[in-house]
Amino acid sequence: MVKNIILIAAGIAVLIIAQLGFADETLAQKDQQKTVKVQPFSVWLIPQKKEADYFSKLINQYASQYKAQPFTPHVTIYFGDTASLDQVKNTVQLFTKQSAPIVLKVNNIGATSEIFKTLFVTFDNNAVLARWAKQIGKQTIKDTYQLKLHLSLLYKEMPLEEKQKLAREISLPMTHVVFDQIQLIREDDPDDVTKWIPIHTFHLGTSKN
């Protein structure tokens, strides 16, 4: 009888110790998650100077006309959250060493009800950029970005009908756009254009990175 009681007590003690160990491990994991700083970021494809000047003029014209915030003309390759901008930077740097400038075929002019897709140029899909986006996604907290190649011309809350009217009025003087730079952007506030901070520029097809 006494022997059975001792065995039961020993079993309970082992179970308690195991539970305490599991609790400590869970708390440690939670503490580790709390210490990970999540940083929103994006990776932009930047047009070469001739096209960049054209789109900048258009963006500034619309920003002035509609009292909106101007911004750098770009195509977003990726947007997400990361725990290490350095890892993202290293991944992007590999692309720039291996790639010549990217040429995208213009598709059409689009407009939606979303503020960050107010008015934009769309491009045909590109297998190289799709592959890059997939690699960048591996450096994020959660890979949810869906690549849809476009270059925005305006960010503004306004009636969809007015946006669509603007889209119909635009006639681009080019059928293709050449992109020769990539920028890594730290987005301190993804909803505020003024808080999108370029932290590194990579030059495609050169050794200036």
C-alpha atoms as a PDB file:
ATOM      1  CA  MET A   1       0.000   0.000   0.000  1.00  0.00           C
ATOM      2  CA  VAL A   2       2.733   2.445   1.030  1.00  0.00           C
ATOM      3  CA  LYS A   3       4.742   1.436  -2.054  1.00  0.00           C
ATOM      4  CA  ASN A   4       1.774   2.205  -4.326  1.00  0.00           C
ATOM      5  CA  ILE A   5       1.282   5.616  -2.707  1.00  0.00           C
ATOM      6  CA  ILE A   6       4.967   6.421  -3.242  1.00  0.00           C
ATOM      7  CA  LEU A   7       4.772   5.422  -6.920  1.00  0.00           C
ATOM      8  CA  ILE A   8       1.638   7.525  -7.470  1.00  0.00           C
ATOM      9  CA  ALA A   9       3.260  10.526  -5.766  1.00  0.00           C
ATOM     10  CA  ALA A  10       6.382  10.119  -7.908  1.00  0.00           C
ATOM     11  CA  GLY A  11       4.249   9.995 -11.070  1.00  0.00           C
ATOM     12  CA  ILE A  12       2.400  13.163 -10.078  1.00  0.00           C
ATOM     13  CA  ALA A  13       5.711  14.905  -9.403  1.00  0.00           C
ATOM     14  CA  VAL A  14       7.049  13.960 -12.847  1.00  0.00           C
ATOM     15  CA  LEU A  15       3.851  15.238 -14.471  1.00  0.00           C
ATOM     16  CA  ILE A  16       4.040  18.554 -12.581  1.00  0.00           C
ATOM     17  CA  ILE A  17       7.704  19.033 -13.570  1.00  0.00           C
ATOM     18  CA  ALA A  18       6.880  18.290 -17.214  1.00  0.00           C
ATOM     19  CA  GLN A  19       4.011  20.789 -17.160  1.00  0.00           C
ATOM     20  CA  LEU A  20       6.207  23.456 -15.572  1.00  0.00           C
ATOM     21  CA  GLY A  21       8.839  22.842 -18.223  1.00  0.00           C
ATOM     22  CA  PHE A  22       6.265  23.211 -21.001  1.00  0.00           C
ATOM     23  CA  ALA A  23       4.957  26.420 -19.436  1.00  0.00           C
ATOM     24  CA  ASP A  24       8.475  27.857 -19.222  1.00  0.00           C
ATOM     25  CA  GLU A  25       9.107  26.955 -22.872  1.00  0.00           C
ATOM     26  CA  THR A  26       5.818  28.581 -23.946  1.00  0.00           C
ATOM     27  CA  LEU A  27       6.642  31.760 -22.015  1.00  0.00           C
ATOM     28  CA  ALA A  28      10.104  31.836 -23.572  1.00  0.00           C
ATOM     29  CA  GLN A  29       8.604  31.543 -27.039  1.00  0.00           C
ATOM     30  CA  LYS A  30       6.166  34.372 -26.318  1.00  0.00           C
ATOM     31  CA  ASP A  31       8.983  36.557 -24.973  1.00  0.00           C
ATOM     32  CA  GLN A  32      11.011  35.853 -28.103  1.00  0.00           C
ATOM     33  CA  GLN A  33       8.066  36.831 -30.316  1.00  0.00           C
ATOM     34  CA  LYS A  34       7.701  40.089 -28.397  1.00  0.00           C
ATOM     35  CA  THR A  35      11.349  41.007 -29.008  1.00  0.00           C
ATOM     36  CA  VAL A  36      11.111  40.516 -32.793  1.00  0.00           C
ATOM     37  CA  LYS A  37      10.663  43.938 -34.393  1.00  0.00           C
ATOM     38  CA  VAL A  38       8.358  43.746 -37.377  1.00  0.00           C
ATOM     39  CA  GLN A  39       9.248  46.241 -40.102  1.00  0.00           C
ATOM     40  CA  PRO A  40       6.948  46.932 -43.064  1.00  0.00           C
ATOM     41  CA  PHE A  41       8.918  47.302 -46.306  1.00  0.00           C
ATOM     42  CA  SER A  42       8.531  47.309 -50.058  1.00  0.00           C
ATOM     43  CA  VAL A  43      10.787  46.671 -53.025  1.00  0.00           C
ATOM     44  CA  TRP A  44      10.354  49.002 -55.989  1.00  0.00           C
ATOM     45  CA  LEU A  45      11.357  48.785 -59.625  1.00  0.00           C
ATOM     46  CA  ILE A  46      12.344  52.296 -60.828  1.00  0.00           C
ATOM     47  CA  PRO A  47      12.109  53.423 -64.498  1.00  0.00           C
ATOM     48  CA  GLN A  48      15.183  54.672 -66.310  1.00  0.00           C
ATOM     49  CA  LYS A  49      15.572  58.470 -66.421  1.00  0.00           C
ATOM     50  CA  LYS A  50      13.622  59.222 -69.615  1.00  0.00           C
ATOM     51  CA  GLU A  51      10.537  57.301 -68.504  1.00  0.00           C
ATOM     52  CA  ALA A  52      10.972  58.352 -64.853  1.00  0.00           C
ATOM     53  CA  ASP A  53      10.921  62.026 -65.892  1.00  0.00           C
ATOM     54  CA  TYR A  54       7.746  61.489 -67.925  1.00  0.00           C
ATOM     55  CA  PHE A  55       5.890  59.679 -65.138  1.00  0.00           C
ATOM     56  CA  SER A  56       7.135  62.112 -62.458  1.00  0.00           C
ATOM     57  CA  LYS A  57       5.713  65.015 -64.467  1.00  0.00           C
ATOM     58  CA  LEU A  58       2.366  63.223 -64.759  1.00  0.00           C
ATOM     59  CA  ILE A  59       2.310  62.287 -61.057  1.00  0.00           C
ATOM     60  CA  ASN A  60       3.151  65.849 -59.995  1.00  0.00           C
ATOM     61  CA  GLN A  61       0.484  67.234 -62.343  1.00  0.00           C
ATOM     62  CA  TYR A  62      -2.219  65.035 -60.812  1.00  0.00           C
ATOM     63  CA  ALA A  63      -0.961  65.674 -57.266  1.00  0.00           C
ATOM     64  CA  SER A  64      -1.250  69.415 -57.824  1.00  0.00           C
ATOM     65  CA  GLN A  65      -4.624  69.161 -59.535  1.00  0.00           C
ATOM     66  CA  TYR A  66      -6.185  66.945 -56.857  1.00  0.00           C
ATOM     67  CA  LYS A  67      -4.230  68.190 -53.818  1.00  0.00           C
ATOM     68  CA  ALA A  68      -2.613  64.789 -53.323  1.00  0.00           C
ATOM     69  CA  GLN A  69       0.847  63.693 -52.197  1.00  0.00           C
ATOM     70  CA  PRO A  70       3.414  63.246 -55.018  1.00  0.00           C
ATOM     71  CA  PHE A  71       5.688  60.198 -54.984  1.00  0.00           C
ATOM     72  CA  THR A  72       8.456  58.474 -56.926  1.00  0.00           C
ATOM     73  CA  PRO A  73       7.234  56.562 -59.993  1.00  0.00           C
ATOM     74  CA  HIS A  74       7.690  52.867 -59.319  1.00  0.00           C
ATOM     75  CA  VAL A  75       6.396  49.339 -59.782  1.00  0.00           C
ATOM     76  CA  THR A  76       6.096  47.434 -56.497  1.00  0.00           C
ATOM     77  CA  ILE A  77       7.742  44.018 -56.713  1.00  0.00           C
ATOM     78  CA  TYR A  78       6.926  43.174 -53.113  1.00  0.00           C
ATOM     79  CA  PHE A  79       5.277  44.592 -50.000  1.00  0.00           C
ATOM     80  CA  GLY A  80       5.269  42.896 -46.598  1.00  0.00           C
ATOM     81  CA  ASP A  81       6.690  42.702 -43.069  1.00  0.00           C
ATOM     82  CA  THR A  82      10.142  41.446 -42.171  1.00  0.00           C
ATOM     83  CA  ALA A  83      12.204  40.915 -39.038  1.00  0.00           C
ATOM     84  CA  SER A  84      15.403  41.674 -40.966  1.00  0.00           C
ATOM     85  CA  LEU A  85      15.767  44.355 -43.626  1.00  0.00           C
ATOM     86  CA  ASP A  86      19.376  43.217 -44.008  1.00  0.00           C
ATOM     87  CA  GLN A  87      18.213  39.792 -45.202  1.00  0.00           C
ATOM     88  CA  VAL A  88      15.856  41.423 -47.692  1.00  0.00           C
ATOM     89  CA  LYS A  89      18.671  43.686 -48.871  1.00  0.00           C
ATOM     90  CA  ASN A  90      21.008  40.724 -49.390  1.00  0.00           C
ATOM     91  CA  THR A  91      18.345  38.865 -51.363  1.00  0.00           C
ATOM     92  CA  VAL A  92      17.649  41.856 -53.628  1.00  0.00           C
ATOM     93  CA  GLN A  93      21.361  42.474 -54.130  1.00  0.00           C
ATOM     94  CA  LEU A  94      21.711  39.002 -55.627  1.00  0.00           C
ATOM     95  CA  PHE A  95      19.088  39.887 -58.248  1.00  0.00           C
ATOM     96  CA  THR A  96      20.822  43.087 -59.299  1.00  0.00           C
ATOM     97  CA  LYS A  97      24.119  41.313 -59.853  1.00  0.00           C
ATOM     98  CA  GLN A  98      22.465  38.787 -62.155  1.00  0.00           C
ATOM     99  CA  SER A  99      20.050  40.987 -64.112  1.00  0.00           C
ATOM    100  CA  ALA A 100      20.131  43.464 -66.955  1.00  0.00           C
ATOM    101  CA  PRO A 101      17.535  46.281 -66.944  1.00  0.00           C
ATOM    102  CA  ILE A 102      13.945  44.995 -66.984  1.00  0.00           C
ATOM    103  CA  VAL A 103      11.631  45.861 -69.894  1.00  0.00           C
ATOM    104  CA  LEU A 104       7.879  45.706 -69.240  1.00  0.00           C
ATOM    105  CA  LYS A 105       5.171  45.854 -71.899  1.00  0.00           C
ATOM    106  CA  VAL A 106       2.447  48.410 -71.198  1.00  0.00           C
ATOM    107  CA  ASN A 107      -1.017  46.865 -70.973  1.00  0.00           C
ATOM    108  CA  ASN A 108      -3.549  49.581 -70.172  1.00  0.00           C
ATOM    109  CA  ILE A 109      -4.585  52.344 -67.741  1.00  0.00           C
ATOM    110  CA  GLY A 110      -6.615  51.200 -64.747  1.00  0.00           C
ATOM    111  CA  ALA A 111      -8.602  52.682 -61.857  1.00  0.00           C
ATOM    112  CA  THR A 112     -10.161  51.108 -58.758  1.00  0.00           C
ATOM    113  CA  SER A 113     -11.899  52.165 -55.548  1.00  0.00           C
ATOM    114  CA  GLU A 114      -8.692  51.465 -53.548  1.00  0.00           C
ATOM    115  CA  ILE A 115      -6.692  54.572 -52.636  1.00  0.00           C
ATOM    116  CA  PHE A 116      -3.364  52.940 -53.496  1.00  0.00           C
ATOM    117  CA  LYS A 117      -4.746  51.827 -56.855  1.00  0.00           C
ATOM    118  CA  THR A 118      -6.457  55.099 -57.688  1.00  0.00           C
ATOM    119  CA  LEU A 119      -5.032  55.531 -61.188  1.00  0.00           C
ATOM    120  CA  PHE A 120      -2.291  53.368 -62.630  1.00  0.00           C
ATOM    121  CA  VAL A 121      -0.509  51.901 -65.638  1.00  0.00           C
ATOM    122  CA  THR A 122      -0.691  48.107 -65.867  1.00  0.00           C
ATOM    123  CA  PHE A 123       1.955  45.857 -67.421  1.00  0.00           C
ATOM    124  CA  ASP A 124       2.055  42.328 -68.772  1.00  0.00           C
ATOM    125  CA  ASN A 125       3.250  39.623 -66.376  1.00  0.00           C
ATOM    126  CA  ASN A 126       6.989  39.061 -66.115  1.00  0.00           C
ATOM    127  CA  ALA A 127       8.478  35.682 -65.110  1.00  0.00           C
ATOM    128  CA  VAL A 128      11.703  37.208 -63.755  1.00  0.00           C
ATOM    129  CA  LEU A 129       9.874  39.565 -61.400  1.00  0.00           C
ATOM    130  CA  ALA A 130       7.545  36.766 -60.287  1.00  0.00           C
ATOM    131  CA  ARG A 131      10.607  34.710 -59.343  1.00  0.00           C
ATOM    132  CA  TRP A 132      12.138  37.651 -57.467  1.00  0.00           C
ATOM    133  CA  ALA A 133       8.918  38.272 -55.536  1.00  0.00           C
ATOM    134  CA  LYS A 134       8.840  34.632 -54.480  1.00  0.00           C
ATOM    135  CA  GLN A 135      12.413  34.826 -53.168  1.00  0.00           C
ATOM    136  CA  ILE A 136      11.768  38.079 -51.295  1.00  0.00           C
ATOM    137  CA  GLY A 137       8.673  36.517 -49.737  1.00  0.00           C
ATOM    138  CA  LYS A 138      10.897  33.956 -48.009  1.00  0.00           C
ATOM    139  CA  GLN A 139      12.381  36.811 -45.929  1.00  0.00           C
ATOM    140  CA  THR A 140       9.009  37.990 -44.598  1.00  0.00           C
ATOM    141  CA  ILE A 141       6.983  37.241 -41.481  1.00  0.00           C
ATOM    142  CA  LYS A 142       4.118  35.951 -43.631  1.00  0.00           C
ATOM    143  CA  ASP A 143       4.235  35.733 -47.414  1.00  0.00           C
ATOM    144  CA  THR A 144       0.845  37.028 -48.624  1.00  0.00           C
ATOM    145  CA  TYR A 145       1.765  39.519 -51.373  1.00  0.00           C
ATOM    146  CA  GLN A 146       0.225  38.974 -54.797  1.00  0.00           C
ATOM    147  CA  LEU A 147       2.283  40.485 -57.605  1.00  0.00           C
ATOM    148  CA  LYS A 148       0.207  42.597 -60.017  1.00  0.00           C
ATOM    149  CA  LEU A 149       2.523  44.793 -62.053  1.00  0.00           C
ATOM    150  CA  HIS A 150       1.388  48.418 -62.120  1.00  0.00           C
ATOM    151  CA  LEU A 151       2.786  51.926 -61.840  1.00  0.00           C
ATOM    152  CA  SER A 152       0.560  54.337 -59.903  1.00  0.00           C
ATOM    153  CA  LEU A 153      -0.056  57.880 -61.102  1.00  0.00           C
ATOM    154  CA  LEU A 154      -2.227  59.162 -58.244  1.00  0.00           C
ATOM    155  CA  TYR A 155      -3.237  58.255 -54.676  1.00  0.00           C
ATOM    156  CA  LYS A 156      -6.508  59.980 -53.782  1.00  0.00           C
ATOM    157  CA  GLU A 157      -9.919  59.217 -52.292  1.00  0.00           C
ATOM    158  CA  MET A 158     -12.362  60.244 -55.025  1.00  0.00           C
ATOM    159  CA  PRO A 159     -15.410  58.861 -56.847  1.00  0.00           C
ATOM    160  CA  LEU A 160     -14.639  55.799 -58.943  1.00  0.00           C
ATOM    161  CA  GLU A 161     -16.392  57.349 -61.954  1.00  0.00           C
ATOM    162  CA  GLU A 162     -13.974  60.281 -61.865  1.00  0.00           C
ATOM    163  CA  LYS A 163     -10.981  57.938 -61.671  1.00  0.00           C
ATOM    164  CA  GLN A 164     -12.256  55.932 -64.613  1.00  0.00           C
ATOM    165  CA  LYS A 165     -12.770  59.135 -66.611  1.00  0.00           C
ATOM    166  CA  LEU A 166      -9.139  60.096 -65.960  1.00  0.00           C
ATOM    167  CA  ALA A 167      -7.981  56.647 -67.035  1.00  0.00           C
ATOM    168  CA  ARG A 168      -9.804  56.986 -70.358  1.00  0.00           C
ATOM    169  CA  GLU A 169      -8.173  60.349 -71.013  1.00  0.00           C
ATOM    170  CA  ILE A 170      -4.588  59.108 -70.660  1.00  0.00           C
ATOM    171  CA  SER A 171      -2.658  58.132 -73.777  1.00  0.00           C
ATOM    172  CA  LEU A 172       0.901  57.013 -73.090  1.00  0.00           C
ATOM    173  CA  PRO A 173       3.631  57.817 -75.643  1.00  0.00           C
ATOM    174  CA  MET A 174       5.322  54.427 -75.121  1.00  0.00           C
ATOM    175  CA  THR A 175       4.449  50.739 -75.459  1.00  0.00           C
ATOM    176  CA  HIS A 176       7.292  49.500 -73.222  1.00  0.00           C
ATOM    177  CA  VAL A 177       9.007  50.888 -70.131  1.00  0.00           C
ATOM    178  CA  VAL A 178      12.630  50.188 -69.198  1.00  0.00           C
ATOM    179  CA  PHE A 179      13.513  49.865 -65.491  1.00  0.00           C
ATOM    180  CA  ASP A 180      17.166  50.084 -64.438  1.00  0.00           C
ATOM    181  CA  GLN A 181      17.014  50.465 -60.647  1.00  0.00           C
ATOM    182  CA  ILE A 182      15.544  48.711 -57.636  1.00  0.00           C
ATOM    183  CA  GLN A 183      14.885  50.524 -54.363  1.00  0.00           C
ATOM    184  CA  LEU A 184      14.409  48.970 -50.935  1.00  0.00           C
ATOM    185  CA  ILE A 185      11.849  51.048 -49.038  1.00  0.00           C
ATOM    186  CA  ARG A 186      11.324  51.140 -45.275  1.00  0.00           C
ATOM    187  CA  GLU A 187       7.656  51.925 -44.693  1.00  0.00           C
ATOM    188  CA  ASP A 188       7.404  53.471 -41.226  1.00  0.00           C
ATOM    189  CA  ASP A 189       3.694  53.978 -41.943  1.00  0.00           C
ATOM    190  CA  PRO A 190       2.350  52.047 -44.957  1.00  0.00           C
ATOM    191  CA  ASP A 191      -0.659  54.391 -45.162  1.00  0.00           C
ATOM    192  CA  ASP A 192       1.432  57.592 -45.299  1.00  0.00           C
ATOM    193  CA  VAL A 193       3.394  58.253 -48.500  1.00  0.00           C
ATOM    194  CA  THR A 194       5.711  60.669 -46.653  1.00  0.00           C
ATOM    195  CA  LYS A 195       6.814  57.808 -44.366  1.00  0.00           C
ATOM    196  CA  TRP A 196       8.087  55.630 -47.217  1.00  0.00           C
ATOM    197  CA  ILE A 197      11.858  55.928 -46.828  1.00  0.00           C
ATOM    198  CA  PRO A 198      14.303  54.645 -49.499  1.00  0.00           C
ATOM    199  CA  ILE A 199      17.191  52.975 -47.677  1.00  0.00           C
ATOM    200  CA  HIS A 200      19.113  51.438 -50.572  1.00  0.00           C
ATOM    201  CA  THR A 201      19.211  51.753 -54.362  1.00  0.00           C
ATOM    202  CA  PHE A 202      20.470  48.939 -56.583  1.00  0.00           C
ATOM    203  CA  HIS A 203      21.450  49.466 -60.223  1.00  0.00           C
ATOM    204  CA  LEU A 204      20.512  46.728 -62.654  1.00  0.00           C
ATOM    205  CA  GLY A 205      23.177  45.579 -65.061  1.00  0.00           C
ATOM    206  CA  THR A 206      26.045  47.428 -63.345  1.00  0.00           C
ATOM    207  CA  SER A 207      28.490  46.877 -60.475  1.00  0.00           C
ATOM    208  CA  LYS A 208      27.454  50.055 -58.609  1.00  0.00           C
ATOM    209  CA  ASN A 209      25.628  48.230 -55.811  1.00  0.00           C
END
